[in-house]
Amino acid sequence: MAAWNPLSSTAAATRELFGTPVGGGNSWVERHALLMAGVWPVVLTVRFLPLAVRRFQRLSR
């Protein structure tokens, strides 16, 4: 389950980019760490930015 953690994908991608890859796992996420390191921030931003904006607008009233 740790493979689906955004930080794990970013750490694995960083290791791969610096030339010290760690033995990948069997899951799709672990095999595509570079892709997921770019996808996770987009997914989290799309999900939580509208919630944050709505909360901020409610506070400023």
PDB file of N, CA and C in Angstrom:
ATOM      1  N   MET A   1       0.817  -1.191   0.000  1.00  0.00           N
ATOM      2  CA  MET A   1       0.000   0.000   0.000  1.00  0.00           C
ATOM      3  C   MET A   1       0.860   1.253   0.000  1.00  0.00           C
ATOM      4  N   ALA A   2       2.068   1.182   0.468  1.00  0.00           N
ATOM      5  CA  ALA A   2       2.943   2.353   0.482  1.00  0.00           C
ATOM      6  C   ALA A   2       3.307   2.796  -0.925  1.00  0.00           C
ATOM      7  N   ALA A   3       3.178   1.918  -1.903  1.00  0.00           N
ATOM      8  CA  ALA A   3       3.489   2.283  -3.284  1.00  0.00           C
ATOM      9  C   ALA A   3       2.546   3.372  -3.789  1.00  0.00           C
ATOM     10  N   TRP A   4       1.335   3.445  -3.274  1.00  0.00           N
ATOM     11  CA  TRP A   4       0.370   4.441  -3.727  1.00  0.00           C
ATOM     12  C   TRP A   4       0.539   5.768  -3.004  1.00  0.00           C
ATOM     13  N   ASN A   5       1.491   5.870  -2.122  1.00  0.00           N
ATOM     14  CA  ASN A   5       1.786   7.108  -1.422  1.00  0.00           C
ATOM     15  C   ASN A   5       2.500   8.060  -2.386  1.00  0.00           C
ATOM     16  N   PRO A   6       2.038   9.298  -2.537  1.00  0.00           N
ATOM     17  CA  PRO A   6       2.697  10.231  -3.458  1.00  0.00           C
ATOM     18  C   PRO A   6       4.169  10.469  -3.126  1.00  0.00           C
ATOM     19  N   LEU A   7       4.513  10.464  -1.865  1.00  0.00           N
ATOM     20  CA  LEU A   7       5.898  10.678  -1.482  1.00  0.00           C
ATOM     21  C   LEU A   7       6.777   9.505  -1.895  1.00  0.00           C
ATOM     22  N   SER A   8       6.254   8.301  -1.833  1.00  0.00           N
ATOM     23  CA  SER A   8       7.015   7.127  -2.270  1.00  0.00           C
ATOM     24  C   SER A   8       7.308   7.193  -3.767  1.00  0.00           C
ATOM     25  N   SER A   9       6.330   7.625  -4.549  1.00  0.00           N
ATOM     26  CA  SER A   9       6.539   7.766  -5.994  1.00  0.00           C
ATOM     27  C   SER A   9       7.589   8.823  -6.287  1.00  0.00           C
ATOM     28  N   THR A  10       7.538   9.921  -5.566  1.00  0.00           N
ATOM     29  CA  THR A  10       8.510  10.991  -5.778  1.00  0.00           C
ATOM     30  C   THR A  10       9.913  10.545  -5.380  1.00  0.00           C
ATOM     31  N   ALA A  11      10.027   9.840  -4.276  1.00  0.00           N
ATOM     32  CA  ALA A  11      11.342   9.353  -3.844  1.00  0.00           C
ATOM     33  C   ALA A  11      11.905   8.337  -4.834  1.00  0.00           C
ATOM     34  N   ALA A  12      11.081   7.439  -5.320  1.00  0.00           N
ATOM     35  CA  ALA A  12      11.539   6.447  -6.295  1.00  0.00           C
ATOM     36  C   ALA A  12      11.941   7.123  -7.603  1.00  0.00           C
ATOM     37  N   ALA A  13      11.190   8.127  -8.032  1.00  0.00           N
ATOM     38  CA  ALA A  13      11.526   8.857  -9.256  1.00  0.00           C
ATOM     39  C   ALA A  13      12.843   9.607  -9.098  1.00  0.00           C
ATOM     40  N   THR A  14      13.052  10.206  -7.932  1.00  0.00           N
ATOM     41  CA  THR A  14      14.299  10.920  -7.677  1.00  0.00           C
ATOM     42  C   THR A  14      15.485   9.969  -7.698  1.00  0.00           C
ATOM     43  N   ARG A  15      15.328   8.819  -7.082  1.00  0.00           N
ATOM     44  CA  ARG A  15      16.402   7.823  -7.108  1.00  0.00           C
ATOM     45  C   ARG A  15      16.699   7.372  -8.528  1.00  0.00           C
ATOM     46  N   GLU A  16      15.654   7.184  -9.307  1.00  0.00           N
ATOM     47  CA  GLU A  16      15.831   6.747 -10.693  1.00  0.00           C
ATOM     48  C   GLU A  16      16.543   7.820 -11.517  1.00  0.00           C
ATOM     49  N   LEU A  17      16.174   9.083 -11.316  1.00  0.00           N
ATOM     50  CA  LEU A  17      16.797  10.170 -12.063  1.00  0.00           C
ATOM     51  C   LEU A  17      18.264  10.363 -11.702  1.00  0.00           C
ATOM     52  N   PHE A  18      18.615  10.098 -10.451  1.00  0.00           N
ATOM     53  CA  PHE A  18      19.999  10.249 -10.023  1.00  0.00           C
ATOM     54  C   PHE A  18      20.835   8.994 -10.248  1.00  0.00           C
ATOM     55  N   GLY A  19      20.240   7.985 -10.863  1.00  0.00           N
ATOM     56  CA  GLY A  19      20.999   6.807 -11.254  1.00  0.00           C
ATOM     57  C   GLY A  19      21.160   5.749 -10.195  1.00  0.00           C
ATOM     58  N   THR A  20      20.393   5.810  -9.143  1.00  0.00           N
ATOM     59  CA  THR A  20      20.461   4.782  -8.101  1.00  0.00           C
ATOM     60  C   THR A  20      19.083   4.178  -7.885  1.00  0.00           C
ATOM     61  N   PRO A  21      18.528   3.544  -8.907  1.00  0.00           N
ATOM     62  CA  PRO A  21      17.179   2.994  -8.745  1.00  0.00           C
ATOM     63  C   PRO A  21      17.143   1.844  -7.749  1.00  0.00           C
ATOM     64  N   VAL A  22      16.073   1.792  -7.033  1.00  0.00           N
ATOM     65  CA  VAL A  22      15.839   0.713  -6.084  1.00  0.00           C
ATOM     66  C   VAL A  22      15.017  -0.341  -6.817  1.00  0.00           C
ATOM     67  N   GLY A  23      15.217  -1.576  -6.482  1.00  0.00           N
ATOM     68  CA  GLY A  23      14.458  -2.641  -7.136  1.00  0.00           C
ATOM     69  C   GLY A  23      12.975  -2.356  -7.088  1.00  0.00           C
ATOM     70  N   GLY A  24      12.365  -2.253  -8.261  1.00  0.00           N
ATOM     71  CA  GLY A  24      10.947  -1.913  -8.335  1.00  0.00           C
ATOM     72  C   GLY A  24      10.071  -3.050  -7.880  1.00  0.00           C
ATOM     73  N   GLY A  25       8.902  -2.704  -7.501  1.00  0.00           N
ATOM     74  CA  GLY A  25       7.933  -3.695  -7.070  1.00  0.00           C
ATOM     75  C   GLY A  25       7.133  -4.213  -8.242  1.00  0.00           C
ATOM     76  N   ASN A  26       6.082  -4.901  -7.930  1.00  0.00           N
ATOM     77  CA  ASN A  26       5.243  -5.496  -8.965  1.00  0.00           C
ATOM     78  C   ASN A  26       4.066  -4.625  -9.354  1.00  0.00           C
ATOM     79  N   SER A  27       3.785  -3.597  -8.594  1.00  0.00           N
ATOM     80  CA  SER A  27       2.608  -2.783  -8.905  1.00  0.00           C
ATOM     81  C   SER A  27       2.909  -1.811 -10.040  1.00  0.00           C
ATOM     82  N   TRP A  28       1.843  -1.365 -10.684  1.00  0.00           N
ATOM     83  CA  TRP A  28       1.977  -0.441 -11.804  1.00  0.00           C
ATOM     84  C   TRP A  28       2.599   0.869 -11.343  1.00  0.00           C
ATOM     85  N   VAL A  29       2.227   1.331 -10.165  1.00  0.00           N
ATOM     86  CA  VAL A  29       2.739   2.596  -9.635  1.00  0.00           C
ATOM     87  C   VAL A  29       4.242   2.528  -9.409  1.00  0.00           C
ATOM     88  N   GLU A  30       4.716   1.431  -8.886  1.00  0.00           N
ATOM     89  CA  GLU A  30       6.150   1.291  -8.627  1.00  0.00           C
ATOM     90  C   GLU A  30       6.955   1.201  -9.922  1.00  0.00           C
ATOM     91  N   ARG A  31       6.390   0.621 -10.938  1.00  0.00           N
ATOM     92  CA  ARG A  31       7.091   0.508 -12.217  1.00  0.00           C
ATOM     93  C   ARG A  31       7.078   1.816 -13.001  1.00  0.00           C
ATOM     94  N   HIS A  32       6.160   2.712 -12.710  1.00  0.00           N
ATOM     95  CA  HIS A  32       6.036   3.984 -13.418  1.00  0.00           C
ATOM     96  C   HIS A  32       6.182   5.156 -12.447  1.00  0.00           C
ATOM     97  N   ALA A  33       7.234   5.131 -11.667  1.00  0.00           N
ATOM     98  CA  ALA A  33       7.435   6.138 -10.621  1.00  0.00           C
ATOM     99  C   ALA A  33       7.611   7.539 -11.216  1.00  0.00           C
ATOM    100  N   LEU A  34       8.302   7.661 -12.334  1.00  0.00           N
ATOM    101  CA  LEU A  34       8.491   8.983 -12.937  1.00  0.00           C
ATOM    102  C   LEU A  34       7.165   9.592 -13.371  1.00  0.00           C
ATOM    103  N   LEU A  35       6.336   8.798 -13.983  1.00  0.00           N
ATOM    104  CA  LEU A  35       5.027   9.287 -14.401  1.00  0.00           C
ATOM    105  C   LEU A  35       4.192   9.698 -13.193  1.00  0.00           C
ATOM    106  N   MET A  36       4.176   8.855 -12.182  1.00  0.00           N
ATOM    107  CA  MET A  36       3.356   9.143 -11.008  1.00  0.00           C
ATOM    108  C   MET A  36       3.877  10.342 -10.218  1.00  0.00           C
ATOM    109  N   ALA A  37       5.189  10.593 -10.266  1.00  0.00           N
ATOM    110  CA  ALA A  37       5.734  11.766  -9.584  1.00  0.00           C
ATOM    111  C   ALA A  37       5.206  13.048 -10.220  1.00  0.00           C
ATOM    112  N   GLY A  38       4.825  12.993 -11.479  1.00  0.00           N
ATOM    113  CA  GLY A  38       4.217  14.144 -12.124  1.00  0.00           C
ATOM    114  C   GLY A  38       2.710  14.173 -12.011  1.00  0.00           C
ATOM    115  N   VAL A  39       2.094  13.003 -11.934  1.00  0.00           N
ATOM    116  CA  VAL A  39       0.631  12.922 -11.887  1.00  0.00           C
ATOM    117  C   VAL A  39       0.094  13.253 -10.501  1.00  0.00           C
ATOM    118  N   TRP A  40       0.749  12.777  -9.466  1.00  0.00           N
ATOM    119  CA  TRP A  40       0.237  12.995  -8.108  1.00  0.00           C
ATOM    120  C   TRP A  40       0.028  14.472  -7.774  1.00  0.00           C
ATOM    121  N   PRO A  41       0.991  15.363  -8.045  1.00  0.00           N
ATOM    122  CA  PRO A  41       0.727  16.778  -7.719  1.00  0.00           C
ATOM    123  C   PRO A  41      -0.470  17.357  -8.477  1.00  0.00           C
ATOM    124  N   VAL A  42      -0.641  16.948  -9.725  1.00  0.00           N
ATOM    125  CA  VAL A  42      -1.779  17.432 -10.510  1.00  0.00           C
ATOM    126  C   VAL A  42      -3.088  16.936  -9.901  1.00  0.00           C
ATOM    127  N   VAL A  43      -3.145  15.665  -9.577  1.00  0.00           N
ATOM    128  CA  VAL A  43      -4.359  15.090  -8.999  1.00  0.00           C
ATOM    129  C   VAL A  43      -4.701  15.757  -7.669  1.00  0.00           C
ATOM    130  N   LEU A  44      -3.707  15.923  -6.818  1.00  0.00           N
ATOM    131  CA  LEU A  44      -3.964  16.536  -5.511  1.00  0.00           C
ATOM    132  C   LEU A  44      -4.379  17.999  -5.639  1.00  0.00           C
ATOM    133  N   THR A  45      -3.775  18.716  -6.582  1.00  0.00           N
ATOM    134  CA  THR A  45      -4.142  20.111  -6.792  1.00  0.00           C
ATOM    135  C   THR A  45      -5.560  20.235  -7.326  1.00  0.00           C
ATOM    136  N   VAL A  46      -5.900  19.409  -8.313  1.00  0.00           N
ATOM    137  CA  VAL A  46      -7.253  19.445  -8.883  1.00  0.00           C
ATOM    138  C   VAL A  46      -8.291  19.107  -7.823  1.00  0.00           C
ATOM    139  N   ARG A  47      -7.959  18.214  -6.934  1.00  0.00           N
ATOM    140  CA  ARG A  47      -8.914  17.796  -5.909  1.00  0.00           C
ATOM    141  C   ARG A  47      -9.065  18.821  -4.792  1.00  0.00           C
ATOM    142  N   PHE A  48      -7.950  19.375  -4.307  1.00  0.00           N
ATOM    143  CA  PHE A  48      -8.014  20.183  -3.096  1.00  0.00           C
ATOM    144  C   PHE A  48      -8.001  21.688  -3.318  1.00  0.00           C
ATOM    145  N   LEU A  49      -7.616  22.174  -4.478  1.00  0.00           N
ATOM    146  CA  LEU A  49      -7.626  23.615  -4.717  1.00  0.00           C
ATOM    147  C   LEU A  49      -9.035  24.201  -4.642  1.00  0.00           C
ATOM    148  N   PRO A  50     -10.032  23.589  -5.285  1.00  0.00           N
ATOM    149  CA  PRO A  50     -11.385  24.150  -5.134  1.00  0.00           C
ATOM    150  C   PRO A  50     -11.883  24.162  -3.682  1.00  0.00           C
ATOM    151  N   LEU A  51     -11.531  23.148  -2.938  1.00  0.00           N
ATOM    152  CA  LEU A  51     -11.933  23.112  -1.525  1.00  0.00           C
ATOM    153  C   LEU A  51     -11.259  24.225  -0.734  1.00  0.00           C
ATOM    154  N   ALA A  52      -9.993  24.464  -1.002  1.00  0.00           N
ATOM    155  CA  ALA A  52      -9.254  25.513  -0.302  1.00  0.00           C
ATOM    156  C   ALA A  52      -9.779  26.896  -0.669  1.00  0.00           C
ATOM    157  N   VAL A  53     -10.082  27.101  -1.941  1.00  0.00           N
ATOM    158  CA  VAL A  53     -10.610  28.397  -2.379  1.00  0.00           C
ATOM    159  C   VAL A  53     -11.966  28.654  -1.734  1.00  0.00           C
ATOM    160  N   ARG A  54     -12.806  27.644  -1.726  1.00  0.00           N
ATOM    161  CA  ARG A  54     -14.123  27.796  -1.104  1.00  0.00           C
ATOM    162  C   ARG A  54     -13.995  28.122   0.377  1.00  0.00           C
ATOM    163  N   ARG A  55     -13.099  27.448   1.058  1.00  0.00           N
ATOM    164  CA  ARG A  55     -12.896  27.713   2.493  1.00  0.00           C
ATOM    165  C   ARG A  55     -12.362  29.125   2.714  1.00  0.00           C
ATOM    166  N   PHE A  56     -11.432  29.559   1.868  1.00  0.00           N
ATOM    167  CA  PHE A  56     -10.857  30.892   1.993  1.00  0.00           C
ATOM    168  C   PHE A  56     -11.918  31.965   1.760  1.00  0.00           C
ATOM    169  N   GLN A  57     -12.788  31.747   0.775  1.00  0.00           N
ATOM    170  CA  GLN A  57     -13.849  32.716   0.503  1.00  0.00           C
ATOM    171  C   GLN A  57     -14.815  32.802   1.662  1.00  0.00           C
ATOM    172  N   ARG A  58     -15.072  31.700   2.299  1.00  0.00           N
ATOM    173  CA  ARG A  58     -15.970  31.703   3.457  1.00  0.00           C
ATOM    174  C   ARG A  58     -15.352  32.442   4.639  1.00  0.00           C
ATOM    175  N   LEU A  59     -14.039  32.369   4.798  1.00  0.00           N
ATOM    176  CA  LEU A  59     -13.373  33.048   5.906  1.00  0.00           C
ATOM    177  C   LEU A  59     -13.348  34.556   5.719  1.00  0.00           C
ATOM    178  N   SER A  60     -13.285  35.029   4.483  1.00  0.00           N
ATOM    179  CA  SER A  60     -13.158  36.453   4.244  1.00  0.00           C
ATOM    180  C   SER A  60     -14.486  37.213   4.317  1.00  0.00           C
ATOM    181  N   ARG A  61     -15.582  36.537   4.526  1.00  0.00           N
ATOM    182  CA  ARG A  61     -16.890  37.216   4.629  1.00  0.00           C
ATOM    183  C   ARG A  61     -17.114  37.800   5.963  1.00  0.00           C
TER     184      ARG A  61
END
